[in-house]
Amino acid sequence: MRATKRAFVLIVALFVVTFISMVAFAFLNSSSLELSTAMSVGLEQQALLLAQSGIADARVKLERDPLFPPPIGDDGTFFSYSEEVSDLAGGPVIGTFDVIVDHSYAEEPYYLVRLTSIGRLFRQNQEIKKSVQAEIDVSPTDRRSGHTTEVNPNLYKIVNWSEEGP
């Protein structure tokens, strides 16, 4: 009888160990999925920040140089450029931003320059992309009612912003 009791305890112990092992495996699998999701979100956020950097870069160039971008072609309404971005230590290129400057609406009555920037992050043989679009006020005078002779306080400021997915 004593041998039967020991065999029963051994079988119960095996079932308990098996159950605990299955719970531990499920937990580790779940943690791995959560880590993968968190990494993906972090990489997408970095690509978005690259795109936002492109908008900031183009806005500063517009503000500092009234002839930016240089006139090209017959209508000269579109201009694009790309810049590589490295980490602060001057290491390898981590991504780029591609900027399109659209002057289609730069004249009266709109006085807007549309900027589109695509941030491209390069990680582990994959490219993560995010896009941002902004409209910049380029009106020389204040367009608010009754202020048309004053200098525009929103000159070269962002008046419209949108973010797009991959």
Foldseek 3Di string as FASTA:
>chain_A
DVVVVVVVVVVVVVVVVVVVVVVVVVVVVVVVVVVVVVVVVVQLVVLVVQQVVVVVVVLVVVVVDVCPPPADDDVSFKDKDKDFDDPPVPDDTQWMKIKIWGCPQCDPPRNKIKIKIWIWGDDDNDIAIKMKIWIAHQDQWDPPPPGRVHGHPRHSHTDDMDIDGD
